[in-house]
Protein backbone atom coordinates (compact mmCIF):
# COMPACT_ATOMS: atom_id res chain seq x y z
CA MET A 1 0.00 0.00 0.00
CA SER A 2 1.35 3.43 -0.93
CA ARG A 3 1.88 6.03 1.75
CA PRO A 4 -1.07 8.28 2.70
CA ILE A 5 -1.47 11.48 0.70
CA LEU A 6 -0.81 14.78 2.45
CA GLU A 7 -2.39 17.78 0.72
CA VAL A 8 -1.49 21.30 1.89
CA ILE A 9 -3.28 24.57 1.12
CA ALA A 10 -1.01 27.08 -0.60
CA LEU A 11 -1.67 30.73 -1.35
CA ASP A 12 1.39 31.44 -3.48
CA ALA A 13 4.69 30.06 -4.78
CA GLU A 14 6.47 30.58 -1.45
CA ASP A 15 3.86 28.48 0.33
CA ALA A 16 4.08 25.88 -2.42
CA ARG A 17 7.84 25.47 -2.18
CA ALA A 18 7.70 25.23 1.62
CA ALA A 19 4.94 22.61 1.51
CA GLN A 20 6.87 20.47 -0.95
CA ALA A 21 10.05 20.81 1.12
CA GLY A 22 8.16 19.55 4.18
CA GLY A 23 6.88 16.46 2.39
CA ALA A 24 3.49 17.44 0.94
CA ASP A 25 2.28 15.18 -1.86
CA ARG A 26 -0.16 17.66 -3.35
CA LEU A 27 -1.27 21.26 -3.07
CA GLU A 28 -4.65 22.91 -3.03
CA LEU A 29 -4.11 26.39 -4.46
CA VAL A 30 -6.54 29.10 -3.40
CA SER A 31 -6.79 32.83 -2.86
CA ALA A 32 -8.67 34.82 -0.19
CA ILE A 33 -8.48 32.31 2.63
CA GLU A 34 -10.55 34.73 4.73
CA GLU A 35 -13.39 33.73 2.35
CA ASP A 36 -12.58 30.03 2.88
CA GLY A 37 -10.63 29.86 -0.38
CA LEU A 38 -11.48 31.32 -3.79
CA THR A 39 -10.11 30.97 -7.31
CA PRO A 40 -6.50 32.15 -7.51
CA SER A 41 -5.26 34.51 -10.22
CA ARG A 42 -3.80 33.25 -13.47
CA GLU A 43 -0.44 34.75 -12.52
CA THR A 44 -0.40 32.89 -9.21
CA VAL A 45 -1.27 29.60 -10.88
CA ALA A 46 1.54 30.02 -13.39
CA ARG A 47 4.09 30.84 -10.68
CA VAL A 48 3.06 27.94 -8.43
CA VAL A 49 3.02 25.36 -11.21
CA ALA A 50 6.51 26.49 -12.20
CA ALA A 51 7.77 26.43 -8.59
CA VAL A 52 7.01 22.80 -7.66
CA ASP A 53 6.93 19.35 -9.18
CA ILE A 54 4.05 17.92 -7.13
CA PRO A 55 0.40 18.03 -8.28
CA VAL A 56 -1.49 21.30 -7.78
CA ARG A 57 -5.27 21.31 -7.48
CA VAL A 58 -6.70 24.75 -8.25
CA MET A 59 -9.86 26.01 -6.56
CA LEU A 60 -12.74 27.04 -8.84
CA ARG A 61 -14.90 29.17 -6.56
CA PRO A 62 -15.70 32.84 -7.30
CA ALA A 63 -17.36 33.66 -3.95
CA ASN A 64 -17.80 32.27 -0.46
CA GLY A 65 -20.49 29.63 -0.20
CA PHE A 66 -21.50 26.59 -2.22
CA ARG A 67 -24.12 27.96 -4.60
CA MET A 68 -23.55 29.46 -8.03
CA ALA A 69 -25.09 32.93 -8.32
CA GLY A 70 -26.38 32.42 -11.84
CA GLN A 71 -25.63 31.57 -15.44
CA ARG A 72 -23.39 34.56 -16.00
CA GLU A 73 -21.19 33.66 -13.04
CA LEU A 74 -21.04 30.05 -14.22
CA GLU A 75 -20.00 31.02 -17.73
CA SER A 76 -17.34 33.33 -16.32
CA LEU A 77 -15.95 30.57 -14.09
CA CYS A 78 -15.87 28.09 -16.97
CA ALA A 79 -13.94 30.63 -19.06
CA GLU A 80 -11.56 31.24 -16.16
CA SER A 81 -10.96 27.51 -15.73
CA ARG A 82 -9.97 27.25 -19.39
CA ALA A 83 -7.60 30.20 -18.96
CA LEU A 84 -6.07 28.57 -15.88
CA ARG A 85 -5.44 25.42 -17.90
CA GLU A 86 -3.45 27.54 -20.33
CA GLU A 87 -1.32 28.64 -17.35
CA GLY A 88 -0.54 25.03 -16.49
CA ALA A 89 -3.38 24.00 -14.18
CA SER A 90 -4.25 20.35 -14.70
CA GLU A 91 -6.23 19.44 -11.55
CA PHE A 92 -9.07 21.31 -9.87
CA VAL A 93 -11.32 21.61 -6.80
CA PHE A 94 -15.00 22.58 -6.90
CA GLY A 95 -18.39 21.58 -5.55
CA TYR A 96 -21.83 23.19 -5.72
CA LEU A 97 -25.26 22.67 -4.21
CA ASP A 98 -28.65 23.92 -5.32
CA GLU A 99 -31.24 25.71 -3.17
CA ALA A 100 -32.44 22.40 -1.72
CA GLY A 101 -28.93 21.37 -0.66
CA LEU A 102 -28.70 18.79 -3.44
CA PRO A 103 -25.81 18.57 -5.93
CA ASP A 104 -26.19 21.27 -8.58
CA ILE A 105 -25.87 18.97 -11.58
CA PRO A 106 -25.98 21.61 -14.36
CA VAL A 107 -23.19 23.60 -12.67
CA LEU A 108 -21.07 20.53 -11.99
CA ALA A 109 -21.56 19.23 -15.53
CA ALA A 110 -20.56 22.59 -17.04
CA LEU A 111 -17.39 22.81 -14.95
CA ASN A 112 -16.55 19.17 -15.60
CA GLU A 113 -16.79 19.88 -19.32
CA ALA A 114 -14.62 22.99 -18.97
CA VAL A 115 -11.87 20.93 -17.29
CA ALA A 116 -12.42 17.80 -19.38
CA GLY A 117 -9.56 15.35 -19.00
CA CYS A 118 -8.54 16.77 -15.61
CA ARG A 119 -8.98 15.16 -12.22
CA TRP A 120 -10.94 17.10 -9.61
CA THR A 121 -12.04 17.12 -5.99
CA TYR A 122 -15.60 17.74 -4.83
CA HIS A 123 -14.85 19.92 -1.84
CA ARG A 124 -16.58 20.50 1.47
CA ALA A 125 -19.93 21.36 -0.04
CA ILE A 126 -20.67 17.72 0.77
CA ASP A 127 -20.59 18.65 4.46
CA ARG A 128 -23.50 21.04 3.88
CA ALA A 129 -25.55 18.75 1.65
CA ALA A 130 -29.11 17.86 2.61
CA ASP A 131 -28.27 14.19 1.96
CA ARG A 132 -24.57 13.37 1.64
CA ASP A 133 -25.17 9.71 0.77
CA GLY A 134 -27.67 10.78 -1.87
CA LEU A 135 -25.19 13.30 -3.24
CA ARG A 136 -22.52 10.64 -3.65
CA LYS A 137 -24.86 8.20 -5.34
CA ARG A 138 -26.33 10.86 -7.61
CA LEU A 139 -22.90 11.91 -8.83
CA ALA A 140 -21.81 8.28 -9.21
CA SER A 141 -24.80 7.65 -11.46
CA LEU A 142 -23.61 10.34 -13.88
CA GLY A 143 -21.17 8.62 -16.16
CA ASP A 144 -20.15 11.98 -17.65
CA LEU A 145 -18.28 13.17 -14.52
CA PRO A 146 -15.22 10.93 -14.92
CA GLY A 147 -12.76 13.46 -13.49
CA LEU A 148 -14.21 13.29 -9.97
CA ASP A 149 -11.74 11.23 -7.96
CA THR A 150 -11.82 12.74 -4.45
CA TYR A 151 -14.25 14.04 -1.83
CA LEU A 152 -12.74 16.56 0.59
CA THR A 153 -14.78 16.30 3.78
CA ALA A 154 -14.70 16.73 7.53
CA GLY A 155 -17.74 14.51 7.94
CA SER A 156 -19.56 17.52 9.39
CA ALA A 157 -20.02 21.22 8.67
CA ASP A 158 -18.59 21.76 12.17
CA GLY A 159 -15.27 20.07 11.40
CA VAL A 160 -13.53 16.74 11.80
CA GLY A 161 -14.04 16.63 15.57
CA SER A 162 -17.80 16.48 15.02
CA GLY A 163 -17.63 14.31 11.93
CA LEU A 164 -15.54 11.34 13.08
CA ASP A 165 -18.44 8.88 13.16
CA VAL A 166 -19.47 9.86 9.63
CA LEU A 167 -15.89 9.53 8.40
CA ARG A 168 -15.56 6.08 9.95
CA SER A 169 -18.82 4.96 8.36
CA GLU A 170 -17.90 6.29 4.94
CA ALA A 171 -14.46 4.67 5.11
CA ARG A 172 -16.11 1.31 5.73
CA ARG A 173 -18.55 1.85 2.86
CA SER A 174 -15.64 2.71 0.58
CA ARG A 175 -13.91 -0.56 1.50
CA THR A 176 -17.00 -2.57 0.53
CA GLY A 177 -17.20 -0.88 -2.87
CA GLU A 178 -20.64 0.59 -2.29
CA PRO A 179 -21.85 2.72 -5.24
CA GLY A 180 -20.96 6.37 -4.70
CA TYR A 181 -18.00 5.55 -2.47
CA GLY A 182 -15.42 4.93 -5.16
CA PRO A 183 -13.72 8.35 -5.10
CA ARG A 184 -11.01 8.75 -2.47
CA LEU A 185 -12.12 10.24 0.84
CA MET A 186 -9.75 13.06 1.84
CA VAL A 187 -10.15 14.27 5.41
CA GLY A 188 -9.88 18.01 5.98
CA GLY A 189 -11.54 20.84 7.85
CA GLY A 190 -10.41 21.26 11.44
CA LEU A 191 -8.20 18.19 11.19
CA GLN A 192 -5.81 17.85 14.12
CA LEU A 193 -2.84 15.59 14.72
CA ARG A 194 -4.72 13.75 17.46
CA HIS A 195 -7.34 12.63 14.90
CA VAL A 196 -4.86 10.96 12.59
CA PRO A 197 -4.13 7.61 14.32
CA GLU A 198 -7.77 6.53 14.51
CA LEU A 199 -8.43 7.70 10.93
CA LEU A 200 -5.45 5.73 9.68
CA ALA A 201 -6.73 2.73 11.61
CA GLU A 202 -9.99 3.01 9.65
CA GLY A 203 -8.04 2.78 6.42
CA LEU A 204 -8.28 6.45 5.45
CA ASP A 205 -5.29 7.45 3.35
CA ALA A 206 -5.67 11.11 2.36
CA PHE A 207 -5.39 14.15 4.62
CA HIS A 208 -5.73 17.89 3.97
CA ILE A 209 -4.35 20.72 6.12
CA GLY A 210 -4.30 24.49 5.93
CA GLY A 211 -3.61 26.54 9.04
CA ALA A 212 -1.99 23.49 10.66
CA ALA A 213 0.83 23.74 8.10
CA ARG A 214 1.74 27.23 9.36
CA ARG A 215 3.39 28.45 12.52
CA GLY A 216 0.78 30.58 14.27
CA GLY A 217 -2.05 29.47 12.02
CA TRP A 218 -3.21 31.53 9.06
CA SER A 219 -1.21 34.56 10.18
CA GLY A 220 2.01 32.75 9.22
CA ARG A 221 3.55 31.20 6.13
CA VAL A 222 3.56 27.49 5.34
CA ASP A 223 6.44 26.05 7.36
CA PRO A 224 8.35 22.97 6.15
CA GLY A 225 8.83 21.86 9.75
CA GLU A 226 5.11 21.91 10.51
CA VAL A 227 4.37 20.03 7.30
CA GLY A 228 7.13 17.58 8.22
CA VAL A 229 5.43 16.75 11.52
CA TRP A 230 2.33 15.65 9.60
CA ARG A 231 4.40 13.79 7.04
CA GLY A 232 6.15 11.91 9.82
CA LEU A 233 2.91 10.94 11.51
CA LEU A 234 1.44 9.72 8.23
CA GLY A 235 4.57 7.80 7.33
CA GLY A 236 6.98 8.15 4.45
């Protein structure tokens, strides 16, 4: 079995280089972390892709929240995703819900088409879904979303500490091959070092950190030493 994946949030090339130096396997590249992470600029994407040789997943999210404002915003985001691909982006992160808290299929299908051939993560919108099991099975039934390979989730909108039971259950359902549970489950959102041993024991093999990769939280830069602590705990 390969070592668990460690994904680190980066805001720029300096963060990216530090995360890779500490042992990160992958980056999630965002801007405006005070808005929980929005689409980064084309210039930032180009600089980060050039700065590291590990995969970079680029956030596609124009505003805080998990709903698309309308067709104009969707068309703009699709155009931006194509422009980001021209800057070297080859993996993405997005996830949208409709007014009822169900997966917004037209939005997801449009973005999936815009990044056709790229792998992508459905991010923590799943933690705010009206029916997370239904969301997974609905998306699994759509054969035209082949790029979806990861769900980033805390198991709860309130973070990993509140979502441990859900994460354990979903890990077990993934192991049995239940429909909708094929994509990798990546744990993130209030993840702490103390959570890792029991999550590893459940067979979870992908972990996502942001402020925990920085000395002093979000007020500091990504620190290779902090990333290294996580890498050591995860192995490898």
